[in-house]
């Protein structure tokens, strides 16, 4: 009997933690990291603020955990897209498309995860996310290089440059941002994918059909 009670308690604790993280993510998606306040998260999750404090003693702890969880979700999405592709170049294209489409599907959250002004201690967590993004793209670039499908280049430098181009093209101050028309959003994803592939040396990316997947609806972002 004690074991079953412990198992039930663990399940409840995990569910409560999930509710807190879900509420934090929703608030960040609506108003950025500034909106992720303990009281607001508690209200959104339907629990007492004191309960949130038991899991996260300060807002910094909560936001850091949110960035880590969201980072893991984004990298997992890129990995799934790449792993499902038939070859290294299509895997690279799929990863670029996935990142761009998800950023446009939830632009406020993407901005909060990467570019929104935050406290230095939070920016350190976000830097880890950008490094993980670069690492995911570097893996795909290296895979294509090993098959001689890309011209010789420093994969790490190329991956960092690709991340920078995508960020600036999607959520930077000069980016057009998401449009009401999904066709325009798909065109923006396609433009960025073509730009990234051509920058890496795939001059005939369109002819190869490497961006054909952008003809599909933009993927929904997990809530």
Protein backbone atom coordinates (compact mmCIF):
# COMPACT_ATOMS: atom_id res chain seq x y z
CA UNK A 1 0.00 0.00 0.00
CA UNK A 2 2.73 2.59 0.80
CA UNK A 3 4.31 1.92 -2.60
CA UNK A 4 1.02 2.60 -4.42
CA UNK A 5 0.56 5.83 -2.45
CA UNK A 6 4.06 6.96 -3.40
CA UNK A 7 3.37 6.16 -7.06
CA UNK A 8 0.16 8.19 -6.98
CA UNK A 9 1.90 11.11 -5.34
CA UNK A 10 4.66 11.02 -7.93
CA UNK A 11 2.07 11.04 -10.71
CA UNK A 12 0.30 14.03 -9.20
CA UNK A 13 3.55 15.92 -8.73
CA UNK A 14 4.52 15.28 -12.35
CA UNK A 15 1.10 16.40 -13.57
CA UNK A 16 1.31 19.59 -11.52
CA UNK A 17 4.79 20.30 -12.85
CA UNK A 18 3.49 19.79 -16.38
CA UNK A 19 0.60 22.18 -15.74
CA UNK A 20 3.00 24.84 -14.47
CA UNK A 21 5.27 24.47 -17.48
CA UNK A 22 2.33 24.51 -19.86
CA UNK A 23 1.00 27.70 -18.30
CA UNK A 24 4.43 29.33 -18.46
CA UNK A 25 4.81 28.40 -22.10
CA UNK A 26 1.37 29.76 -22.97
CA UNK A 27 2.12 33.06 -21.24
CA UNK A 28 5.49 33.37 -22.97
CA UNK A 29 3.77 32.72 -26.29
CA UNK A 30 1.34 35.54 -25.60
CA UNK A 31 3.50 38.19 -23.97
CA UNK A 32 7.10 37.02 -23.93
CA UNK A 33 9.23 36.15 -20.93
CA UNK A 34 8.09 39.29 -19.13
CA UNK A 35 4.63 37.75 -18.92
CA UNK A 36 5.96 34.68 -17.10
CA UNK A 37 5.28 35.78 -13.54
CA UNK A 38 4.65 33.37 -10.67
CA UNK A 39 1.16 34.73 -9.93
CA UNK A 40 0.16 34.70 -13.59
CA UNK A 41 1.45 31.17 -14.08
CA UNK A 42 -0.40 29.97 -10.99
CA UNK A 43 -3.63 31.55 -12.19
CA UNK A 44 -3.26 30.04 -15.67
CA UNK A 45 -2.49 26.62 -14.22
CA UNK A 46 -5.35 26.84 -11.74
CA UNK A 47 -3.20 26.36 -8.66
CA UNK A 48 -2.00 28.51 -5.77
CA UNK A 49 1.06 30.70 -6.20
CA UNK A 50 2.61 28.99 -3.19
CA UNK A 51 2.44 25.69 -5.05
CA UNK A 52 4.42 27.14 -7.95
CA UNK A 53 7.05 28.38 -5.49
CA UNK A 54 7.50 24.83 -4.20
CA UNK A 55 8.68 23.82 -7.66
CA UNK A 56 10.41 27.06 -8.62
CA UNK A 57 11.62 29.31 -5.78
CA UNK A 58 11.98 32.32 -8.10
CA UNK A 59 10.85 33.52 -11.51
CA UNK A 60 14.40 33.02 -12.80
CA UNK A 61 14.20 29.32 -11.94
CA UNK A 62 10.86 29.00 -13.72
CA UNK A 63 11.97 30.80 -16.89
CA UNK A 64 15.24 28.87 -17.01
CA UNK A 65 13.30 25.61 -16.80
CA UNK A 66 10.92 26.84 -19.50
CA UNK A 67 13.79 27.70 -21.85
CA UNK A 68 15.37 24.29 -21.27
CA UNK A 69 12.10 22.44 -21.89
CA UNK A 70 11.24 24.46 -24.97
CA UNK A 71 14.76 24.06 -26.30
CA UNK A 72 14.46 20.29 -25.97
CA UNK A 73 11.11 20.36 -27.77
CA UNK A 74 12.43 22.45 -30.65
CA UNK A 75 15.56 20.34 -31.14
CA UNK A 76 13.46 17.17 -30.99
CA UNK A 77 11.20 18.57 -33.73
CA UNK A 78 14.22 19.30 -35.94
CA UNK A 79 15.60 15.82 -35.31
CA UNK A 80 12.30 14.13 -36.15
CA UNK A 81 12.00 16.08 -39.40
CA UNK A 82 15.56 15.31 -40.41
CA UNK A 83 15.39 11.64 -39.45
CA UNK A 84 12.24 11.18 -41.55
CA UNK A 85 13.91 12.58 -44.69
CA UNK A 86 15.27 10.18 -47.35
CA UNK A 87 18.78 11.64 -47.56
CA UNK A 88 21.27 14.10 -46.02
CA UNK A 89 20.33 17.10 -48.18
CA UNK A 90 16.61 16.58 -47.76
CA UNK A 91 17.21 16.11 -44.03
CA UNK A 92 19.01 19.45 -43.91
CA UNK A 93 16.19 21.11 -45.83
CA UNK A 94 13.58 19.50 -43.57
CA UNK A 95 15.36 20.81 -40.46
CA UNK A 96 15.45 24.35 -41.88
CA UNK A 97 11.81 24.22 -42.93
CA UNK A 98 10.77 22.87 -39.54
CA UNK A 99 12.57 25.56 -37.58
CA UNK A 100 11.22 28.36 -39.79
CA UNK A 101 7.67 27.04 -39.84
CA UNK A 102 7.52 26.57 -36.08
CA UNK A 103 8.91 30.06 -35.50
CA UNK A 104 6.21 31.55 -37.72
CA UNK A 105 3.53 29.42 -36.05
CA UNK A 106 4.46 30.87 -32.63
CA UNK A 107 6.45 34.06 -33.32
CA UNK A 108 6.16 35.62 -29.87
CA UNK A 109 7.51 32.49 -28.23
CA UNK A 110 10.31 32.22 -30.79
CA UNK A 111 11.29 35.83 -30.09
CA UNK A 112 11.17 35.23 -26.34
CA UNK A 113 13.37 32.15 -26.69
CA UNK A 114 16.04 33.92 -28.72
CA UNK A 115 15.99 37.71 -28.91
CA UNK A 116 13.78 39.31 -26.25
CA UNK A 117 15.80 41.45 -23.79
CA UNK A 118 16.06 39.53 -20.51
CA UNK A 119 18.19 39.37 -17.39
CA UNK A 120 21.79 38.13 -17.91
CA UNK A 121 21.17 34.90 -16.01
CA UNK A 122 18.30 34.05 -18.34
CA UNK A 123 20.29 34.96 -21.42
CA UNK A 124 22.81 32.28 -20.48
CA UNK A 125 20.06 29.65 -20.73
CA UNK A 126 18.98 31.02 -24.09
CA UNK A 127 22.55 30.90 -25.35
CA UNK A 128 22.52 27.17 -24.64
CA UNK A 129 19.42 26.93 -26.85
CA UNK A 130 21.12 28.76 -29.73
CA UNK A 131 24.11 26.46 -29.37
CA UNK A 132 21.82 23.45 -29.50
CA UNK A 133 20.20 24.81 -32.67
CA UNK A 134 23.58 25.32 -34.27
CA UNK A 135 24.57 21.81 -33.20
CA UNK A 136 21.47 20.30 -34.79
CA UNK A 137 22.17 22.06 -38.09
CA UNK A 138 25.87 21.23 -37.90
CA UNK A 139 25.01 17.55 -37.63
CA UNK A 140 22.96 17.74 -40.83
CA UNK A 141 25.65 19.74 -42.63
CA UNK A 142 28.34 17.25 -41.62
CA UNK A 143 26.20 14.35 -42.80
CA UNK A 144 25.88 15.99 -46.23
CA UNK A 145 29.61 16.78 -46.32
CA UNK A 146 30.47 13.16 -45.58
CA UNK A 147 28.49 12.14 -48.67
CA UNK A 148 30.16 14.86 -50.77
CA UNK A 149 26.80 16.53 -51.28
CA UNK A 150 28.09 19.96 -50.19
CA UNK A 151 31.27 21.82 -51.13
CA UNK A 152 34.02 21.69 -48.52
CA UNK A 153 33.42 24.08 -45.61
CA UNK A 154 33.68 24.45 -41.85
CA UNK A 155 30.43 22.83 -40.67
CA UNK A 156 30.43 24.61 -37.31
CA UNK A 157 30.88 28.06 -38.86
CA UNK A 158 28.31 27.32 -41.55
CA UNK A 159 25.78 26.13 -38.96
CA UNK A 160 26.24 29.27 -36.84
CA UNK A 161 25.78 31.45 -39.93
CA UNK A 162 22.65 29.52 -40.89
CA UNK A 163 21.12 30.01 -37.45
CA UNK A 164 21.89 33.73 -37.64
CA UNK A 165 20.27 34.06 -41.06
CA UNK A 166 17.15 32.22 -39.95
CA UNK A 167 16.79 34.25 -36.77
CA UNK A 168 17.23 37.54 -38.59
CA UNK A 169 14.87 36.50 -41.39
CA UNK A 170 12.17 35.27 -39.03
CA UNK A 171 12.16 37.35 -35.85
CA UNK A 172 14.82 40.04 -36.26
CA UNK A 173 13.88 43.73 -36.48
CA UNK A 174 14.04 43.62 -40.28
CA UNK A 175 11.99 40.43 -40.63
CA UNK A 176 8.52 40.77 -42.16
CA UNK A 177 7.07 38.56 -39.44
CA UNK A 178 4.15 36.13 -39.84
CA UNK A 179 1.38 37.07 -42.26
CA UNK A 180 -2.35 36.49 -41.99
CA UNK A 181 -2.19 34.68 -45.33
CA UNK A 182 -0.75 31.17 -44.88
CA UNK A 183 0.43 31.22 -48.50
CA UNK A 184 2.71 34.17 -47.68
CA UNK A 185 4.02 32.35 -44.63
CA UNK A 186 4.84 29.28 -46.71
CA UNK A 187 6.57 31.51 -49.24
CA UNK A 188 8.65 33.04 -46.45
CA UNK A 189 9.66 29.60 -45.22
CA UNK A 190 10.57 28.59 -48.77
CA UNK A 191 12.63 31.73 -49.32
CA UNK A 192 14.62 31.17 -46.14
CA UNK A 193 15.13 27.49 -46.93
CA UNK A 194 16.39 28.27 -50.43
CA UNK A 195 18.63 31.01 -49.05
CA UNK A 196 20.11 28.70 -46.44
CA UNK A 197 20.72 25.83 -48.86
CA UNK A 198 22.24 28.09 -51.48
CA UNK A 199 24.50 29.64 -48.88
CA UNK A 200 25.73 26.16 -48.03
CA UNK A 201 26.43 25.47 -51.70
CA UNK A 202 23.26 23.80 -52.98
CA UNK A 203 22.71 26.08 -55.96
CA UNK A 204 19.99 23.94 -57.55
CA UNK A 205 17.95 23.38 -54.38
CA UNK A 206 14.65 24.24 -56.08
CA UNK A 207 15.34 21.99 -59.07
CA UNK A 208 16.14 19.11 -56.74
CA UNK A 209 12.80 19.56 -55.00
CA UNK A 210 14.43 20.13 -51.65
CA UNK A 211 11.84 22.71 -50.62
CA UNK A 212 8.78 20.97 -52.00
CA UNK A 213 7.63 20.22 -48.44
CA UNK A 214 6.83 23.92 -48.00
CA UNK A 215 3.82 23.38 -50.24
CA UNK A 216 2.28 21.65 -47.25
CA UNK A 217 0.49 23.55 -44.44
CA UNK A 218 2.79 24.93 -41.78
CA UNK A 219 3.03 22.43 -38.91
CA UNK A 220 1.17 23.16 -35.72
CA UNK A 221 3.37 23.78 -32.70
CA UNK A 222 2.78 21.47 -29.72
CA UNK A 223 0.96 23.21 -26.90
